[in-house]
Amino acid sequence: MLRHLIAHLHQLLHTSSTTSPTSPSSSFILQSSSLHNHPRWSFLDIDDNSVDDCCGLVMAAGKSGNLRMVEPLKHPSTKKPRRDQSRGKSSGRSSMTEVMEQQIWKDFPEDLIEAVIARLPIATFFRFRSVCWRWNSLLNSPSFSQHCAQVQHANPWFYIITQERANSGAMYDPSIKKWYHPTVSALPSKLILFPVASAGGLVCFLEIGQRNFFVCNPLTQSFKELPARSVKVWSPVAVGMTANGNLTGAGYKILWVTCDGEYEVYDSMRKSWSRPGNMPVGIKLPLALNFKSQSISIDSTIYFMHSDPEGIVSYDIATGVWKQYIIPAPLHLTDHTLAECDGRIMLVGLLTKNAATCVCIWELQKMTLLWKEVDRMPNEWCLDLYGKHIKMTCLGNKGLLMLSLRSKHMNRLVTYNIASREWLKVPGCVAPRGRKRQSIACGTAFHPCLTAVA
């Protein structure tokens, strides 16, 4: 019986339907009437014109606090086959239009409901938040956080900065190829911020003056300004970020390092910066860091790219150990940056020779510490780049890469899935209300997490 109920609930949650007639528009809103009851959270508006509604039924919270299923939206009636009509007469009700019996569903286990909701698509979850106060409060539920931690999203999302303003950025969901244009009101509007790293569903922003750090969950706007650094450094810094574990409340650590070897680590659990030690003598200073290449993290180790000598420098946040690897870069390579997939260290860059240009992917061989080419952009796409002065920026480096290819008369966004070796074109980032496509300054990948707290 319980198995039947669970299967029936899954069927209801995945039944497609049109938008409710009472909705003012085709957009869904990440906010609800009970928002004021949870001052810990604030939610943003997301413009959405293409995501199908995952469930057409409406739920209401009765005065007794029990959930009551109400009849789903009815579609125009069609003539049923005789066999279906006889079934309907024998049962006395229709399986799709019946009023759900409160005596059954009021006793449905709460943990099973949370397990199902945690596996909904992100966009659909925010629709379901407006169902009742109980579902709206799931973001504050420790048990719901545990269910969310067990769900692995196939691909990361991308947070893109447009017009060099963090609070007017855009988010891209590659699973449905959809751009969202949130207004992250928590981020300072007068500062120019850049996303520099991410971990555990959170994005780390750095102010253009290299002094102030901010951490934010772009989905829920959980926001925090980090305390001032104990070491005042005015030179450019490279930033890495790791999560302390898979659980939402385990916290995170942020590392910044300069070319002179100055570095500090922020621990979200201690809420302070610390200086663990000094660079080992074996690492050549000053570090010729590649600031265009975002750092990557594998477990507790953060990797940065440097160019003199060519290679990688790494720092294990758990042990405090620095290492340097001398790895010659491929010939004729420009605009290269590190990437990561399932614990493998990858390299993506433009291979330019004479007038021919192509995007290539390499993998670091652990035994030889050499780069081995594993894939390159399709030939027909490379022909589009022929003879053009191309500049490339990698906007995300976690399993799914987003690459911005720009020239004087071209601005193209493509994604590359490292695991499946699939190249796809990304639809243009068009501003809301039909305005022209926005220019992209920079961006980063992040794994969406509903319960991550800054």
Protein backbone atom coordinates (compact mmCIF):
# COMPACT_ATOMS: atom_id res chain seq x y z
CA MET A 1 0.00 0.00 0.00
CA LEU A 2 2.77 2.43 0.90
CA ARG A 3 4.60 1.64 -2.32
CA HIS A 4 1.42 2.38 -4.26
CA LEU A 5 1.05 5.75 -2.51
CA ILE A 6 4.64 6.71 -3.26
CA ALA A 7 4.23 5.80 -6.94
CA HIS A 8 0.98 7.74 -7.08
CA LEU A 9 2.61 10.81 -5.54
CA HIS A 10 5.45 10.66 -8.09
CA GLN A 11 2.86 10.49 -10.86
CA LEU A 12 1.07 13.55 -9.53
CA LEU A 13 4.25 15.55 -9.12
CA HIS A 14 5.36 14.84 -12.70
CA THR A 15 2.01 15.42 -14.41
CA SER A 16 2.39 18.29 -16.89
CA SER A 17 -0.18 21.01 -17.02
CA THR A 18 -0.66 24.53 -18.23
CA THR A 19 -0.17 27.56 -16.00
CA SER A 20 -3.01 28.33 -13.62
CA PRO A 21 -5.48 30.91 -14.96
CA THR A 22 -5.12 32.87 -11.77
CA SER A 23 -1.43 33.51 -12.42
CA PRO A 24 -0.78 37.12 -13.41
CA SER A 25 1.89 36.11 -15.94
CA SER A 26 3.86 33.16 -17.21
CA SER A 27 6.71 33.81 -14.82
CA PHE A 28 7.32 32.04 -11.56
CA ILE A 29 8.31 33.92 -8.45
CA LEU A 30 10.75 32.89 -5.80
CA GLN A 31 8.74 34.42 -2.99
CA SER A 32 5.48 33.81 -1.16
CA SER A 33 3.02 35.33 1.26
CA SER A 34 4.74 33.73 4.23
CA LEU A 35 8.08 35.30 3.42
CA HIS A 36 7.92 37.59 6.38
CA ASN A 37 7.67 34.61 8.71
CA HIS A 38 11.23 33.62 7.77
CA PRO A 39 13.52 36.67 8.06
CA ARG A 40 16.52 34.41 7.55
CA TRP A 41 15.68 34.08 3.85
CA SER A 42 14.93 36.51 1.07
CA PHE A 43 14.01 35.41 -2.41
CA LEU A 44 14.48 36.78 -5.87
CA ASP A 45 12.24 37.05 -8.91
CA ILE A 46 13.17 34.93 -11.89
CA ASP A 47 11.80 35.60 -15.32
CA ASP A 48 10.75 32.37 -17.01
CA ASN A 49 8.80 31.94 -20.21
CA SER A 50 9.65 28.41 -21.27
CA VAL A 51 9.69 26.07 -18.30
CA ASP A 52 6.71 23.75 -18.31
CA ASP A 53 4.74 23.49 -15.14
CA CYS A 54 5.50 20.15 -13.57
CA CYS A 55 2.19 19.65 -11.81
CA GLY A 56 -1.25 21.14 -12.39
CA LEU A 57 -2.85 20.32 -9.09
CA VAL A 58 -3.36 22.92 -6.39
CA MET A 59 -2.88 22.27 -2.70
CA ALA A 60 -4.25 24.19 0.24
CA ALA A 61 -3.55 24.23 3.94
CA GLY A 62 -6.68 23.84 6.03
CA LYS A 63 -7.28 25.43 9.37
CA SER A 64 -6.29 22.22 11.09
CA GLY A 65 -2.86 22.38 9.46
CA ASN A 66 -3.41 19.24 7.35
CA LEU A 67 -2.77 19.40 3.63
CA ARG A 68 -5.80 18.89 1.42
CA MET A 69 -5.52 17.93 -2.25
CA VAL A 70 -7.88 19.88 -4.48
CA GLU A 71 -9.05 18.83 -7.91
CA PRO A 72 -6.45 19.51 -10.62
CA LEU A 73 -7.03 21.81 -13.53
CA LYS A 74 -9.57 20.24 -15.85
CA HIS A 75 -8.91 20.01 -19.57
CA PRO A 76 -11.61 20.01 -22.30
CA SER A 77 -13.51 16.75 -22.11
CA THR A 78 -12.91 14.16 -24.78
CA LYS A 79 -14.84 11.03 -25.60
CA LYS A 80 -13.45 8.05 -23.74
CA PRO A 81 -13.11 4.57 -25.15
CA ARG A 82 -15.90 2.20 -24.04
CA ARG A 83 -13.46 0.17 -21.98
CA ASP A 84 -12.34 3.29 -20.05
CA GLN A 85 -15.97 4.34 -19.56
CA SER A 86 -16.83 0.99 -18.06
CA ARG A 87 -13.85 1.25 -15.77
CA GLY A 88 -14.94 4.69 -14.65
CA LYS A 89 -18.46 3.45 -13.91
CA SER A 90 -17.21 0.47 -11.99
CA SER A 91 -14.92 2.55 -9.82
CA GLY A 92 -17.27 5.48 -9.59
CA ARG A 93 -14.51 8.01 -10.08
CA SER A 94 -11.77 9.12 -12.49
CA SER A 95 -8.14 8.62 -11.50
CA MET A 96 -7.08 12.02 -12.83
CA THR A 97 -9.96 14.23 -11.66
CA GLU A 98 -10.86 12.75 -8.33
CA VAL A 99 -10.65 14.76 -5.12
CA MET A 100 -7.82 13.24 -3.10
CA GLU A 101 -9.04 11.73 0.14
CA GLN A 102 -7.79 13.70 3.11
CA GLN A 103 -7.93 10.65 5.38
CA ILE A 104 -5.25 8.99 3.24
CA TRP A 105 -2.92 11.88 2.44
CA LYS A 106 -2.93 13.57 5.84
CA ASP A 107 -1.02 10.60 7.27
CA PHE A 108 1.48 10.34 4.41
CA PRO A 109 5.01 10.33 5.94
CA GLU A 110 6.51 13.81 5.96
CA ASP A 111 10.03 12.53 5.25
CA LEU A 112 8.82 10.85 2.05
CA ILE A 113 7.20 14.08 0.90
CA GLU A 114 10.47 15.94 1.54
CA ALA A 115 12.43 13.27 -0.32
CA VAL A 116 10.22 13.69 -3.38
CA ILE A 117 10.26 17.50 -3.30
CA ALA A 118 14.06 17.56 -2.93
CA ARG A 119 14.30 15.75 -6.27
CA LEU A 120 12.16 18.21 -8.18
CA PRO A 121 13.80 20.50 -10.74
CA ILE A 122 14.91 23.77 -9.18
CA ALA A 123 12.40 25.85 -11.14
CA THR A 124 9.52 23.55 -10.18
CA PHE A 125 10.45 23.66 -6.50
CA PHE A 126 9.91 27.40 -6.30
CA ARG A 127 6.44 26.97 -7.77
CA PHE A 128 5.67 24.43 -5.07
CA ARG A 129 6.83 26.81 -2.33
CA SER A 130 3.65 28.81 -2.83
CA VAL A 131 1.43 25.78 -2.17
CA CYS A 132 1.31 26.08 1.62
CA TRP A 133 3.22 27.43 4.59
CA ARG A 134 4.66 23.99 5.38
CA TRP A 135 6.32 23.60 1.99
CA ASN A 136 7.44 27.21 2.09
CA SER A 137 9.30 26.51 5.34
CA LEU A 138 11.24 23.54 3.92
CA LEU A 139 14.30 25.71 3.34
CA ASN A 140 14.68 25.97 7.10
CA SER A 141 14.21 22.23 7.69
CA PRO A 142 17.33 20.23 8.68
CA SER A 143 15.77 17.02 7.37
CA PHE A 144 15.03 18.64 4.01
CA SER A 145 18.63 19.84 3.87
CA GLN A 146 19.79 16.24 4.29
CA HIS A 147 17.54 15.12 1.43
CA CYS A 148 18.89 17.91 -0.80
CA ALA A 149 22.47 16.89 0.03
CA GLN A 150 21.72 13.41 -1.32
CA VAL A 151 20.55 14.75 -4.68
CA GLN A 152 23.28 15.14 -7.26
CA HIS A 153 22.42 17.52 -10.09
CA ALA A 154 23.77 16.31 -13.42
CA ASN A 155 25.18 19.67 -14.46
CA PRO A 156 26.15 22.88 -12.70
CA TRP A 157 24.46 26.19 -13.33
CA PHE A 158 26.31 29.31 -14.44
CA TYR A 159 26.22 32.72 -12.80
CA ILE A 160 27.16 35.36 -15.35
CA ILE A 161 27.94 39.00 -14.69
CA THR A 162 26.44 41.42 -17.20
CA GLN A 163 27.52 45.05 -17.33
CA GLU A 164 30.07 44.26 -14.59
CA ARG A 165 27.39 44.42 -11.90
CA ALA A 166 26.97 41.37 -9.69
CA ASN A 167 23.41 42.23 -8.68
CA SER A 168 22.31 42.49 -12.33
CA GLY A 169 23.73 39.17 -13.41
CA ALA A 170 22.13 36.25 -15.18
CA MET A 171 21.85 32.54 -14.38
CA TYR A 172 21.84 29.77 -16.98
CA ASP A 173 20.28 26.37 -16.42
CA PRO A 174 21.83 24.02 -19.01
CA SER A 175 19.34 21.22 -18.35
CA ILE A 176 16.52 23.23 -19.96
CA LYS A 177 18.73 25.74 -21.85
CA LYS A 178 17.10 28.67 -20.07
CA TRP A 179 18.45 32.04 -18.91
CA TYR A 180 17.13 33.66 -15.73
CA HIS A 181 17.60 37.33 -14.87
CA PRO A 182 17.45 37.68 -11.08
CA THR A 183 17.92 40.87 -9.15
CA VAL A 184 20.10 39.89 -6.21
CA SER A 185 19.15 42.77 -3.95
CA ALA A 186 21.49 41.60 -1.20
CA LEU A 187 24.62 42.34 -3.22
CA PRO A 188 25.86 45.95 -3.03
CA SER A 189 24.68 47.83 -6.10
CA LYS A 190 27.37 50.51 -5.97
CA LEU A 191 30.32 48.10 -5.96
CA ILE A 192 31.77 46.29 -8.95
CA LEU A 193 31.97 42.63 -7.96
CA PHE A 194 33.26 39.61 -9.83
CA PRO A 195 32.44 35.93 -9.17
CA VAL A 196 35.80 34.27 -8.56
CA ALA A 197 35.01 30.83 -7.08
CA SER A 198 32.20 28.58 -5.88
CA ALA A 199 31.60 25.57 -3.64
CA GLY A 200 28.63 23.86 -2.02
CA GLY A 201 26.04 25.90 -3.92
CA LEU A 202 27.61 29.23 -2.89
CA VAL A 203 29.39 31.79 -5.07
CA CYS A 204 32.29 33.90 -3.80
CA PHE A 205 32.48 37.48 -5.10
CA LEU A 206 35.51 39.77 -4.95
CA GLU A 207 35.28 43.54 -5.10
CA ILE A 208 37.26 45.14 -7.94
CA GLY A 209 39.58 46.81 -5.44
CA GLN A 210 40.68 43.33 -4.27
CA ARG A 211 39.74 44.17 -0.66
CA ASN A 212 36.22 42.93 0.14
CA PHE A 213 34.80 39.41 -0.22
CA PHE A 214 31.13 38.44 -0.40
CA VAL A 215 29.45 35.02 -0.42
CA CYS A 216 25.95 34.46 -1.80
CA ASN A 217 23.54 31.68 -2.74
CA PRO A 218 22.13 33.02 -6.05
CA LEU A 219 18.97 30.93 -5.71
CA THR A 220 17.84 32.05 -2.25
CA GLN A 221 19.90 35.23 -1.82
CA SER A 222 21.41 33.96 1.40
CA PHE A 223 24.17 36.56 1.64
CA LYS A 224 27.17 37.42 3.76
CA GLU A 225 29.96 39.98 3.64
CA LEU A 226 33.15 38.44 4.96
CA PRO A 227 35.15 40.26 7.63
CA ALA A 228 38.11 42.37 6.60
CA ARG A 229 41.32 40.50 5.89
CA SER A 230 44.01 40.68 8.51
CA VAL A 231 46.71 41.18 5.85
CA LYS A 232 46.28 44.29 3.73
CA VAL A 233 47.33 43.45 0.17
CA TRP A 234 46.73 45.80 -2.73
CA SER A 235 48.08 43.57 -5.51
CA PRO A 236 45.85 41.18 -7.52
CA VAL A 237 44.84 37.97 -5.77
CA ALA A 238 43.83 34.52 -6.99
CA VAL A 239 40.94 32.94 -5.07
CA GLY A 240 39.92 29.33 -4.42
CA MET A 241 37.00 27.88 -2.47
CA THR A 242 36.19 24.43 -1.05
CA ALA A 243 33.27 22.95 0.89
CA ASN A 244 34.03 21.20 4.18
CA GLY A 245 31.77 18.28 3.27
CA ASN A 246 28.63 17.18 1.47
CA LEU A 247 26.29 18.36 4.22
CA THR A 248 24.84 21.85 3.88
CA GLY A 249 25.85 23.07 7.34
CA ALA A 250 29.43 21.79 7.15
CA GLY A 251 30.72 25.21 6.07
CA TYR A 252 33.34 26.28 3.55
CA LYS A 253 36.85 27.71 3.27
CA ILE A 254 38.19 30.43 0.99
CA LEU A 255 41.86 30.90 0.04
CA TRP A 256 43.44 33.96 -1.51
CA VAL A 257 47.05 34.13 -2.68
CA THR A 258 49.19 36.81 -4.32
CA CYS A 259 52.17 36.62 -6.65
CA ASP A 260 54.45 37.53 -3.73
CA GLY A 261 53.40 34.45 -1.78
CA GLU A 262 51.08 36.20 0.67
CA TYR A 263 47.98 34.14 1.42
CA GLU A 264 45.17 33.69 3.94
CA VAL A 265 42.35 31.23 4.56
CA TYR A 266 38.82 32.09 5.67
CA ASP A 267 36.92 29.47 7.70
CA SER A 268 33.15 29.98 7.70
CA MET A 269 32.78 27.95 10.89
CA ARG A 270 35.23 30.18 12.77
CA LYS A 271 34.10 33.29 10.87
CA SER A 272 37.65 34.60 10.63
CA TRP A 273 40.75 34.75 8.43
CA SER A 274 43.96 32.97 9.40
CA ARG A 275 47.53 32.86 8.16
CA PRO A 276 48.53 29.16 8.32
CA GLY A 277 52.21 29.67 7.43
CA ASN A 278 54.63 30.64 4.69
CA MET A 279 55.29 29.41 1.20
CA PRO A 280 57.84 26.57 1.14
CA VAL A 281 61.32 27.40 -0.10
CA GLY A 282 60.98 25.09 -3.10
CA ILE A 283 58.27 27.22 -4.73
CA LYS A 284 59.67 29.93 -6.96
CA LEU A 285 58.61 33.45 -6.04
CA PRO A 286 57.13 35.63 -7.29
CA LEU A 287 54.38 33.38 -8.62
CA ALA A 288 53.44 34.16 -12.22
CA LEU A 289 49.76 33.41 -11.63
CA ASN A 290 47.36 33.26 -14.55
CA PHE A 291 44.58 35.48 -13.21
CA LYS A 292 42.34 34.76 -16.22
CA SER A 293 42.25 31.10 -15.20
CA GLN A 294 39.87 30.38 -12.34
CA SER A 295 41.05 27.97 -9.69
CA ILE A 296 39.74 24.42 -9.48
CA SER A 297 39.21 22.34 -6.34
CA ILE A 298 39.40 18.57 -5.93
CA ASP A 299 38.44 17.40 -2.44
CA SER A 300 40.37 19.73 -0.10
CA THR A 301 43.05 20.77 -2.64
CA ILE A 302 42.91 23.98 -4.68
CA TYR A 303 44.87 24.31 -7.93
CA PHE A 304 46.09 27.52 -9.59
CA MET A 305 47.77 27.92 -12.96
CA HIS A 306 51.07 29.78 -13.32
CA SER A 307 53.28 30.54 -16.30
CA ASP A 308 56.87 30.94 -15.05
CA PRO A 309 57.70 28.13 -14.91
CA GLU A 310 54.70 26.74 -16.79
CA GLY A 311 52.61 24.52 -14.60
CA ILE A 312 50.33 24.36 -11.58
CA VAL A 313 50.67 25.30 -7.93
CA SER A 314 48.36 23.64 -5.39
CA TYR A 315 47.38 24.10 -1.75
CA ASP A 316 45.74 21.47 0.45
CA ILE A 317 43.52 23.38 2.86
CA ALA A 318 43.18 20.36 5.16
CA THR A 319 46.94 19.81 5.62
CA GLY A 320 48.31 23.26 4.78
CA VAL A 321 50.77 21.82 2.22
CA TRP A 322 51.84 23.75 -0.89
CA LYS A 323 53.11 21.95 -4.02
CA GLN A 324 54.36 23.06 -7.41
CA TYR A 325 54.19 21.05 -10.64
CA ILE A 326 56.21 22.07 -13.69
CA ILE A 327 54.10 21.12 -16.72
CA PRO A 328 54.94 22.51 -20.18
CA ALA A 329 51.93 23.99 -21.95
CA PRO A 330 50.97 22.83 -25.47
CA LEU A 331 52.45 24.82 -28.35
CA HIS A 332 50.52 27.69 -30.00
CA LEU A 333 48.16 27.89 -27.01
CA THR A 334 46.39 31.07 -25.88
CA ASP A 335 43.60 32.00 -23.46
CA HIS A 336 44.01 28.71 -21.61
CA THR A 337 42.48 27.90 -18.25
CA LEU A 338 42.13 24.97 -15.87
CA ALA A 339 39.02 22.81 -15.61
CA GLU A 340 37.97 19.82 -13.53
CA CYS A 341 35.79 16.76 -14.06
CA ASP A 342 35.39 13.82 -11.66
CA GLY A 343 38.74 14.50 -10.02
CA ARG A 344 40.60 14.90 -13.31
CA ILE A 345 42.55 18.06 -14.09
CA MET A 346 41.75 19.42 -17.55
CA LEU A 347 43.03 22.28 -19.68
CA VAL A 348 40.98 24.22 -22.22
CA GLY A 349 42.37 26.82 -24.56
CA LEU A 350 42.59 28.27 -28.06
CA LEU A 351 45.01 26.55 -30.41
CA THR A 352 46.00 29.14 -33.03
CA LYS A 353 48.34 28.55 -35.95
CA ASN A 354 48.50 30.95 -38.88
CA ALA A 355 44.83 31.88 -39.55
CA ALA A 356 43.32 28.68 -38.13
CA THR A 357 41.85 28.69 -34.62
CA CYS A 358 40.27 25.87 -32.67
CA VAL A 359 39.22 25.22 -29.08
CA CYS A 360 41.02 22.18 -27.68
CA ILE A 361 40.71 20.12 -24.50
CA TRP A 362 43.62 18.40 -22.75
CA GLU A 363 43.81 16.09 -19.75
CA LEU A 364 46.73 15.97 -17.31
CA GLN A 365 48.41 12.58 -17.24
CA LYS A 366 49.23 11.76 -13.61
CA MET A 367 52.18 9.48 -14.39
CA THR A 368 54.03 11.71 -16.87
CA LEU A 369 52.68 15.14 -15.75
CA LEU A 370 52.09 16.03 -19.40
CA TRP A 371 49.02 17.36 -21.18
CA LYS A 372 47.29 14.92 -23.56
CA GLU A 373 44.76 16.23 -26.06
CA VAL A 374 41.44 14.44 -25.65
CA ASP A 375 39.02 16.47 -27.78
CA ARG A 376 38.58 19.58 -29.88
CA MET A 377 35.74 21.67 -31.24
CA PRO A 378 33.86 20.27 -34.29
CA ASN A 379 35.52 21.16 -37.61
CA GLU A 380 32.53 23.09 -38.94
CA TRP A 381 32.60 25.30 -35.86
CA CYS A 382 36.33 25.84 -36.22
CA LEU A 383 35.77 27.04 -39.79
CA ASP A 384 33.60 29.83 -38.40
CA LEU A 385 36.64 31.04 -36.43
CA TYR A 386 39.03 30.97 -39.38
CA GLY A 387 40.78 34.26 -40.00
CA LYS A 388 39.17 35.96 -37.00
CA HIS A 389 41.02 37.43 -34.04
CA ILE A 390 39.30 35.34 -31.36
CA LYS A 391 39.37 35.91 -27.62
CA MET A 392 38.08 33.19 -25.33
CA THR A 393 36.88 33.29 -21.72
CA CYS A 394 35.98 30.20 -19.73
CA LEU A 395 32.90 31.03 -17.64
CA GLY A 396 32.68 27.71 -15.81
CA ASN A 397 35.11 24.87 -15.21
CA LYS A 398 33.22 22.16 -13.27
CA GLY A 399 32.49 19.21 -15.57
CA LEU A 400 30.42 21.38 -17.91
CA LEU A 401 32.35 24.28 -19.43
CA MET A 402 30.83 27.47 -20.79
CA LEU A 403 33.08 29.26 -23.27
CA SER A 404 32.66 32.80 -24.54
CA LEU A 405 34.19 33.25 -28.02
CA ARG A 406 34.44 36.86 -29.10
CA SER A 407 35.76 38.74 -32.08
CA LYS A 408 35.01 42.07 -33.70
CA HIS A 409 31.87 40.76 -35.39
CA MET A 410 31.06 37.67 -33.35
CA ASN A 411 30.00 36.88 -29.80
CA ARG A 412 29.24 33.20 -29.31
CA LEU A 413 28.57 31.12 -26.21
CA VAL A 414 29.07 27.35 -26.25
CA THR A 415 29.09 24.62 -23.63
CA TYR A 416 31.28 21.55 -23.56
CA ASN A 417 30.46 18.48 -21.48
CA ILE A 418 33.78 16.88 -20.52
CA ALA A 419 32.27 13.50 -19.66
CA SER A 420 30.13 13.07 -22.79
CA ARG A 421 32.34 15.22 -25.08
CA GLU A 422 29.29 17.09 -26.30
CA TRP A 423 29.47 20.60 -27.79
CA LEU A 424 26.32 22.74 -27.73
CA LYS A 425 25.53 26.32 -28.65
CA VAL A 426 24.03 28.44 -25.89
CA PRO A 427 21.06 30.71 -26.66
CA GLY A 428 21.82 34.40 -26.41
CA CYS A 429 21.55 36.07 -23.03
CA VAL A 430 18.67 38.41 -23.84
CA ALA A 431 17.61 40.88 -21.18
CA PRO A 432 14.03 40.75 -19.86
CA ARG A 433 11.20 42.43 -21.77
CA GLY A 434 12.84 41.80 -25.13
CA ARG A 435 15.79 44.10 -24.74
CA LYS A 436 18.96 43.43 -26.74
CA ARG A 437 21.51 40.79 -25.82
CA GLN A 438 23.69 41.74 -22.91
CA SER A 439 27.47 41.77 -22.88
CA ILE A 440 29.07 39.23 -20.57
CA ALA A 441 31.93 40.40 -18.39
CA CYS A 442 32.76 37.17 -16.51
CA GLY A 443 31.13 34.25 -14.76
CA THR A 444 31.52 31.04 -12.81
CA ALA A 445 29.87 27.64 -12.47
CA PHE A 446 28.05 26.62 -9.30
CA HIS A 447 26.09 23.55 -8.30
CA PRO A 448 22.56 24.72 -7.36
CA CYS A 449 21.64 24.02 -3.76
CA LEU A 450 18.39 25.17 -2.18
CA THR A 451 19.61 24.98 1.40
CA ALA A 452 23.17 26.34 1.17
CA VAL A 453 23.70 29.18 3.66
CA ALA A 454 26.39 31.81 3.24
